[in-house]
């Protein structure tokens, strides 16, 4: 019942403490990958990325925008 009163951060630290030291680098990569996957870029970062792709020619014809939209 102790876990119910702990914050998610405290629970995470407890799990980390119970992880064998040789697996900590892998756990760190997992956590970092998860954070990057669920975190949205800022508008300026998104614009910069889009502009970079445009300048490099990494674009798609607008006619293909709705291809396979009803594939479900």
PDB file of N, CA and C in Angstrom:
ATOM      1  N   UNK A   1       0.803  -1.195   0.000  1.00  0.00           N
ATOM      2  CA  UNK A   1       0.000   0.000   0.000  1.00  0.00           C
ATOM      3  C   UNK A   1       0.850   1.264   0.000  1.00  0.00           C
ATOM      4  N   UNK A   2       2.127   1.141   0.224  1.00  0.00           N
ATOM      5  CA  UNK A   2       3.014   2.299   0.279  1.00  0.00           C
ATOM      6  C   UNK A   2       3.048   3.030  -1.053  1.00  0.00           C
ATOM      7  N   UNK A   3       2.982   2.312  -2.169  1.00  0.00           N
ATOM      8  CA  UNK A   3       3.083   2.916  -3.493  1.00  0.00           C
ATOM      9  C   UNK A   3       1.942   3.892  -3.749  1.00  0.00           C
ATOM     10  N   UNK A   4       0.779   3.694  -3.144  1.00  0.00           N
ATOM     11  CA  UNK A   4      -0.363   4.563  -3.378  1.00  0.00           C
ATOM     12  C   UNK A   4      -0.112   5.972  -2.861  1.00  0.00           C
ATOM     13  N   UNK A   5       0.719   6.121  -1.850  1.00  0.00           N
ATOM     14  CA  UNK A   5       0.987   7.444  -1.285  1.00  0.00           C
ATOM     15  C   UNK A   5       2.213   8.101  -1.898  1.00  0.00           C
ATOM     16  N   UNK A   6       2.957   7.366  -2.698  1.00  0.00           N
ATOM     17  CA  UNK A   6       4.156   7.925  -3.327  1.00  0.00           C
ATOM     18  C   UNK A   6       3.791   8.617  -4.632  1.00  0.00           C
ATOM     19  N   UNK A   7       4.522   9.677  -4.933  1.00  0.00           N
ATOM     20  CA  UNK A   7       4.319  10.356  -6.209  1.00  0.00           C
ATOM     21  C   UNK A   7       4.876   9.483  -7.333  1.00  0.00           C
ATOM     22  N   UNK A   8       4.454   9.731  -8.562  1.00  0.00           N
ATOM     23  CA  UNK A   8       5.019   8.964  -9.678  1.00  0.00           C
ATOM     24  C   UNK A   8       6.541   9.103  -9.761  1.00  0.00           C
ATOM     25  N   UNK A   9       7.059  10.263  -9.437  1.00  0.00           N
ATOM     26  CA  UNK A   9       8.512  10.460  -9.457  1.00  0.00           C
ATOM     27  C   UNK A   9       9.188   9.578  -8.419  1.00  0.00           C
ATOM     28  N   UNK A  10       8.614   9.501  -7.240  1.00  0.00           N
ATOM     29  CA  UNK A  10       9.171   8.642  -6.194  1.00  0.00           C
ATOM     30  C   UNK A  10       9.109   7.176  -6.600  1.00  0.00           C
ATOM     31  N   UNK A  11       8.014   6.784  -7.235  1.00  0.00           N
ATOM     32  CA  UNK A  11       7.881   5.410  -7.697  1.00  0.00           C
ATOM     33  C   UNK A  11       8.926   5.100  -8.769  1.00  0.00           C
ATOM     34  N   UNK A  12       9.156   6.057  -9.656  1.00  0.00           N
ATOM     35  CA  UNK A  12      10.156   5.871 -10.707  1.00  0.00           C
ATOM     36  C   UNK A  12      11.550   5.724 -10.099  1.00  0.00           C
ATOM     37  N   UNK A  13      11.892   6.582  -9.147  1.00  0.00           N
ATOM     38  CA  UNK A  13      13.193   6.476  -8.497  1.00  0.00           C
ATOM     39  C   UNK A  13      13.357   5.133  -7.786  1.00  0.00           C
ATOM     40  N   UNK A  14      12.286   4.651  -7.185  1.00  0.00           N
ATOM     41  CA  UNK A  14      12.343   3.354  -6.499  1.00  0.00           C
ATOM     42  C   UNK A  14      12.633   2.235  -7.499  1.00  0.00           C
ATOM     43  N   UNK A  15      11.979   2.289  -8.665  1.00  0.00           N
ATOM     44  CA  UNK A  15      12.232   1.289  -9.703  1.00  0.00           C
ATOM     45  C   UNK A  15      13.677   1.367 -10.195  1.00  0.00           C
ATOM     46  N   UNK A  16      14.176   2.585 -10.374  1.00  0.00           N
ATOM     47  CA  UNK A  16      15.565   2.766 -10.821  1.00  0.00           C
ATOM     48  C   UNK A  16      16.529   2.183  -9.792  1.00  0.00           C
ATOM     49  N   UNK A  17      16.278   2.437  -8.533  1.00  0.00           N
ATOM     50  CA  UNK A  17      17.136   1.910  -7.472  1.00  0.00           C
ATOM     51  C   UNK A  17      17.155   0.385  -7.463  1.00  0.00           C
ATOM     52  N   UNK A  18      16.075  -0.242  -7.898  1.00  0.00           N
ATOM     53  CA  UNK A  18      15.989  -1.698  -7.901  1.00  0.00           C
ATOM     54  C   UNK A  18      16.542  -2.311  -9.179  1.00  0.00           C
ATOM     55  N   UNK A  19      16.936  -1.474 -10.129  1.00  0.00           N
ATOM     56  CA  UNK A  19      17.472  -1.954 -11.401  1.00  0.00           C
ATOM     57  C   UNK A  19      18.968  -2.238 -11.248  1.00  0.00           C
ATOM     58  N   UNK A  20      19.429  -3.398 -11.667  1.00  0.00           N
ATOM     59  CA  UNK A  20      20.862  -3.690 -11.583  1.00  0.00           C
ATOM     60  C   UNK A  20      21.681  -2.626 -12.342  1.00  0.00           C
ATOM     61  N   UNK A  21      22.786  -2.250 -11.765  1.00  0.00           N
ATOM     62  CA  UNK A  21      23.597  -1.150 -12.274  1.00  0.00           C
ATOM     63  C   UNK A  21      24.001  -1.344 -13.746  1.00  0.00           C
ATOM     64  N   UNK A  22      24.201  -2.577 -14.177  1.00  0.00           N
ATOM     65  CA  UNK A  22      24.625  -2.810 -15.560  1.00  0.00           C
ATOM     66  C   UNK A  22      23.515  -2.507 -16.566  1.00  0.00           C
ATOM     67  N   UNK A  23      22.267  -2.409 -16.076  1.00  0.00           N
ATOM     68  CA  UNK A  23      21.142  -2.116 -16.971  1.00  0.00           C
ATOM     69  C   UNK A  23      20.723  -0.647 -16.960  1.00  0.00           C
ATOM     70  N   UNK A  24      21.339   0.160 -16.123  1.00  0.00           N
ATOM     71  CA  UNK A  24      20.975   1.576 -16.014  1.00  0.00           C
ATOM     72  C   UNK A  24      21.164   2.322 -17.348  1.00  0.00           C
ATOM     73  N   UNK A  25      22.268   2.128 -18.102  1.00  0.00           N
ATOM     74  CA  UNK A  25      22.390   2.838 -19.385  1.00  0.00           C
ATOM     75  C   UNK A  25      21.261   2.502 -20.364  1.00  0.00           C
ATOM     76  N   UNK A  26      20.823   1.249 -20.377  1.00  0.00           N
ATOM     77  CA  UNK A  26      19.726   0.853 -21.264  1.00  0.00           C
ATOM     78  C   UNK A  26      18.427   1.500 -20.790  1.00  0.00           C
ATOM     79  N   UNK A  27      18.203   1.501 -19.494  1.00  0.00           N
ATOM     80  CA  UNK A  27      17.011   2.134 -18.940  1.00  0.00           C
ATOM     81  C   UNK A  27      16.985   3.619 -19.270  1.00  0.00           C
ATOM     82  N   UNK A  28      18.124   4.263 -19.186  1.00  0.00           N
ATOM     83  CA  UNK A  28      18.214   5.687 -19.520  1.00  0.00           C
ATOM     84  C   UNK A  28      17.839   5.930 -20.978  1.00  0.00           C
ATOM     85  N   UNK A  29      18.323   5.065 -21.870  1.00  0.00           N
ATOM     86  CA  UNK A  29      17.964   5.196 -23.289  1.00  0.00           C
ATOM     87  C   UNK A  29      16.466   5.012 -23.512  1.00  0.00           C
ATOM     88  N   UNK A  30      15.875   4.063 -22.793  1.00  0.00           N
ATOM     89  CA  UNK A  30      14.439   3.816 -22.913  1.00  0.00           C
ATOM     90  C   UNK A  30      13.651   5.047 -22.467  1.00  0.00           C
ATOM     91  N   UNK A  31      14.016   5.590 -21.319  1.00  0.00           N
ATOM     92  CA  UNK A  31      13.309   6.757 -20.786  1.00  0.00           C
ATOM     93  C   UNK A  31      13.471   7.954 -21.716  1.00  0.00           C
ATOM     94  N   UNK A  32      14.680   8.173 -22.213  1.00  0.00           N
ATOM     95  CA  UNK A  32      14.925   9.297 -23.122  1.00  0.00           C
ATOM     96  C   UNK A  32      14.131   9.120 -24.417  1.00  0.00           C
ATOM     97  N   UNK A  33      14.125   7.918 -24.978  1.00  0.00           N
ATOM     98  CA  UNK A  33      13.366   7.653 -26.202  1.00  0.00           C
ATOM     99  C   UNK A  33      11.877   7.875 -25.979  1.00  0.00           C
ATOM    100  N   UNK A  34      11.376   7.441 -24.841  1.00  0.00           N
ATOM    101  CA  UNK A  34       9.961   7.637 -24.523  1.00  0.00           C
ATOM    102  C   UNK A  34       9.638   9.126 -24.443  1.00  0.00           C
ATOM    103  N   UNK A  35      10.458   9.879 -23.725  1.00  0.00           N
ATOM    104  CA  UNK A  35      10.231  11.316 -23.581  1.00  0.00           C
ATOM    105  C   UNK A  35      10.231  11.999 -24.939  1.00  0.00           C
ATOM    106  N   UNK A  36      11.181  11.649 -25.781  1.00  0.00           N
ATOM    107  CA  UNK A  36      11.258  12.257 -27.108  1.00  0.00           C
ATOM    108  C   UNK A  36      10.048  11.885 -27.965  1.00  0.00           C
ATOM    109  N   UNK A  37       9.511  10.687 -27.766  1.00  0.00           N
ATOM    110  CA  UNK A  37       8.370  10.231 -28.560  1.00  0.00           C
ATOM    111  C   UNK A  37       7.074  10.931 -28.159  1.00  0.00           C
ATOM    112  N   UNK A  38       6.921  11.280 -26.899  1.00  0.00           N
ATOM    113  CA  UNK A  38       5.668  11.867 -26.439  1.00  0.00           C
ATOM    114  C   UNK A  38       5.699  13.384 -26.329  1.00  0.00           C
ATOM    115  N   UNK A  39       6.878  13.979 -26.462  1.00  0.00           N
ATOM    116  CA  UNK A  39       7.011  15.424 -26.349  1.00  0.00           C
ATOM    117  C   UNK A  39       6.896  16.073 -27.721  1.00  0.00           C
ATOM    118  N   UNK A  40       6.024  17.055 -27.819  1.00  0.00           N
ATOM    119  CA  UNK A  40       5.869  17.779 -29.075  1.00  0.00           C
ATOM    120  C   UNK A  40       6.930  18.868 -29.190  1.00  0.00           C
ATOM    121  N   UNK A  41       7.396  19.088 -30.405  1.00  0.00           N
ATOM    122  CA  UNK A  41       8.318  20.187 -30.652  1.00  0.00           C
ATOM    123  C   UNK A  41       7.577  21.512 -30.538  1.00  0.00           C
ATOM    124  N   UNK A  42       8.310  22.572 -30.246  1.00  0.00           N
ATOM    125  CA  UNK A  42       7.712  23.895 -30.243  1.00  0.00           C
ATOM    126  C   UNK A  42       7.382  24.274 -31.680  1.00  0.00           C
ATOM    127  N   UNK A  43       6.558  25.288 -31.845  1.00  0.00           N
ATOM    128  CA  UNK A  43       6.187  25.739 -33.186  1.00  0.00           C
ATOM    129  C   UNK A  43       7.420  26.161 -33.974  1.00  0.00           C
ATOM    130  N   UNK A  44       8.345  26.859 -33.326  1.00  0.00           N
ATOM    131  CA  UNK A  44       9.541  27.312 -34.042  1.00  0.00           C
ATOM    132  C   UNK A  44      10.431  26.131 -34.444  1.00  0.00           C
ATOM    133  N   UNK A  45      10.531  25.110 -33.586  1.00  0.00           N
ATOM    134  CA  UNK A  45      11.312  23.918 -33.946  1.00  0.00           C
ATOM    135  C   UNK A  45      10.672  23.187 -35.120  1.00  0.00           C
ATOM    136  N   UNK A  46       9.337  23.083 -35.100  1.00  0.00           N
ATOM    137  CA  UNK A  46       8.623  22.424 -36.194  1.00  0.00           C
ATOM    138  C   UNK A  46       8.817  23.181 -37.501  1.00  0.00           C
ATOM    139  N   UNK A  47       8.730  24.521 -37.423  1.00  0.00           N
ATOM    140  CA  UNK A  47       8.925  25.327 -38.625  1.00  0.00           C
ATOM    141  C   UNK A  47      10.341  25.150 -39.165  1.00  0.00           C
ATOM    142  N   UNK A  48      11.337  25.202 -38.260  1.00  0.00           N
ATOM    143  CA  UNK A  48      12.739  25.035 -38.680  1.00  0.00           C
ATOM    144  C   UNK A  48      12.943  23.697 -39.382  1.00  0.00           C
ATOM    145  N   UNK A  49      12.381  22.639 -38.820  1.00  0.00           N
ATOM    146  CA  UNK A  49      12.508  21.309 -39.416  1.00  0.00           C
ATOM    147  C   UNK A  49      11.833  21.270 -40.776  1.00  0.00           C
ATOM    148  N   UNK A  50      10.627  21.827 -40.865  1.00  0.00           N
ATOM    149  CA  UNK A  50       9.915  21.855 -42.140  1.00  0.00           C
ATOM    150  C   UNK A  50      10.659  22.662 -43.192  1.00  0.00           C
ATOM    151  N   UNK A  51      11.213  23.793 -42.785  1.00  0.00           N
ATOM    152  CA  UNK A  51      11.966  24.630 -43.721  1.00  0.00           C
ATOM    153  C   UNK A  51      13.224  23.905 -44.199  1.00  0.00           C
ATOM    154  N   UNK A  52      13.902  23.224 -43.271  1.00  0.00           N
ATOM    155  CA  UNK A  52      15.096  22.454 -43.619  1.00  0.00           C
ATOM    156  C   UNK A  52      14.755  21.373 -44.644  1.00  0.00           C
ATOM    157  N   UNK A  53      13.633  20.661 -44.417  1.00  0.00           N
ATOM    158  CA  UNK A  53      13.207  19.622 -45.351  1.00  0.00           C
ATOM    159  C   UNK A  53      12.857  20.222 -46.711  1.00  0.00           C
ATOM    160  N   UNK A  54      12.217  21.375 -46.702  1.00  0.00           N
ATOM    161  CA  UNK A  54      11.858  22.041 -47.957  1.00  0.00           C
ATOM    162  C   UNK A  54      13.103  22.427 -48.742  1.00  0.00           C
ATOM    163  N   UNK A  55      14.062  23.031 -48.064  1.00  0.00           N
ATOM    164  CA  UNK A  55      15.289  23.461 -48.739  1.00  0.00           C
ATOM    165  C   UNK A  55      16.100  22.289 -49.281  1.00  0.00           C
ATOM    166  N   UNK A  56      16.010  21.147 -48.609  1.00  0.00           N
ATOM    167  CA  UNK A  56      16.767  19.977 -49.058  1.00  0.00           C
ATOM    168  C   UNK A  56      16.004  19.174 -50.120  1.00  0.00           C
ATOM    169  N   UNK A  57      14.795  19.601 -50.435  1.00  0.00           N
ATOM    170  CA  UNK A  57      14.017  18.904 -51.449  1.00  0.00           C
ATOM    171  C   UNK A  57      13.240  17.710 -50.922  1.00  0.00           C
ATOM    172  N   UNK A  58      13.188  17.573 -49.612  1.00  0.00           N
ATOM    173  CA  UNK A  58      12.458  16.456 -49.001  1.00  0.00           C
ATOM    174  C   UNK A  58      10.980  16.835 -48.913  1.00  0.00           C
ATOM    175  N   UNK A  59      10.318  16.866 -50.056  1.00  0.00           N
ATOM    176  CA  UNK A  59       8.915  17.272 -50.131  1.00  0.00           C
ATOM    177  C   UNK A  59       8.114  16.219 -50.897  1.00  0.00           C
ATOM    178  N   UNK A  60       6.807  16.339 -50.814  1.00  0.00           N
ATOM    179  CA  UNK A  60       5.903  15.423 -51.513  1.00  0.00           C
ATOM    180  C   UNK A  60       4.858  16.255 -52.246  1.00  0.00           C
ATOM    181  N   UNK A  61       4.436  15.832 -53.430  1.00  0.00           N
ATOM    182  CA  UNK A  61       3.415  16.578 -54.168  1.00  0.00           C
ATOM    183  C   UNK A  61       2.109  16.656 -53.371  1.00  0.00           C
ATOM    184  N   UNK A  62       1.474  17.808 -53.407  1.00  0.00           N
ATOM    185  CA  UNK A  62       0.230  17.994 -52.663  1.00  0.00           C
ATOM    186  C   UNK A  62      -0.868  17.055 -53.154  1.00  0.00           C
ATOM    187  N   UNK A  63      -0.787  16.650 -54.395  1.00  0.00           N
ATOM    188  CA  UNK A  63      -1.782  15.723 -54.948  1.00  0.00           C
ATOM    189  C   UNK A  63      -1.798  14.407 -54.174  1.00  0.00           C
ATOM    190  N   UNK A  64      -0.674  14.055 -53.555  1.00  0.00           N
ATOM    191  CA  UNK A  64      -0.569  12.799 -52.795  1.00  0.00           C
ATOM    192  C   UNK A  64      -0.972  12.945 -51.330  1.00  0.00           C
ATOM    193  N   UNK A  65      -1.342  14.151 -50.922  1.00  0.00           N
ATOM    194  CA  UNK A  65      -1.625  14.419 -49.517  1.00  0.00           C
ATOM    195  C   UNK A  65      -2.700  13.497 -48.959  1.00  0.00           C
ATOM    196  N   UNK A  66      -3.739  13.235 -49.716  1.00  0.00           N
ATOM    197  CA  UNK A  66      -4.859  12.445 -49.199  1.00  0.00           C
ATOM    198  C   UNK A  66      -4.835  10.992 -49.668  1.00  0.00           C
ATOM    199  N   UNK A  67      -3.733  10.561 -50.281  1.00  0.00           N
ATOM    200  CA  UNK A  67      -3.634   9.154 -50.694  1.00  0.00           C
ATOM    201  C   UNK A  67      -3.837   8.237 -49.486  1.00  0.00           C
ATOM    202  N   UNK A  68      -4.599   7.209 -49.672  1.00  0.00           N
ATOM    203  CA  UNK A  68      -4.839   6.177 -48.652  1.00  0.00           C
ATOM    204  C   UNK A  68      -5.496   6.711 -47.379  1.00  0.00           C
ATOM    205  N   UNK A  69      -6.151   7.880 -47.454  1.00  0.00           N
ATOM    206  CA  UNK A  69      -6.794   8.436 -46.269  1.00  0.00           C
ATOM    207  C   UNK A  69      -7.947   7.558 -45.785  1.00  0.00           C
ATOM    208  N   UNK A  70      -8.587   6.850 -46.707  1.00  0.00           N
ATOM    209  CA  UNK A  70      -9.694   5.986 -46.318  1.00  0.00           C
ATOM    210  C   UNK A  70      -9.296   4.517 -46.271  1.00  0.00           C
ATOM    211  N   UNK A  71      -8.028   4.263 -45.994  1.00  0.00           N
ATOM    212  CA  UNK A  71      -7.495   2.898 -46.004  1.00  0.00           C
ATOM    213  C   UNK A  71      -8.048   2.055 -44.862  1.00  0.00           C
ATOM    214  N   UNK A  72      -8.670   2.662 -43.896  1.00  0.00           N
ATOM    215  CA  UNK A  72      -9.205   1.907 -42.761  1.00  0.00           C
ATOM    216  C   UNK A  72     -10.331   1.068 -43.259  1.00  0.00           C
TER     217      UNK A  72
END
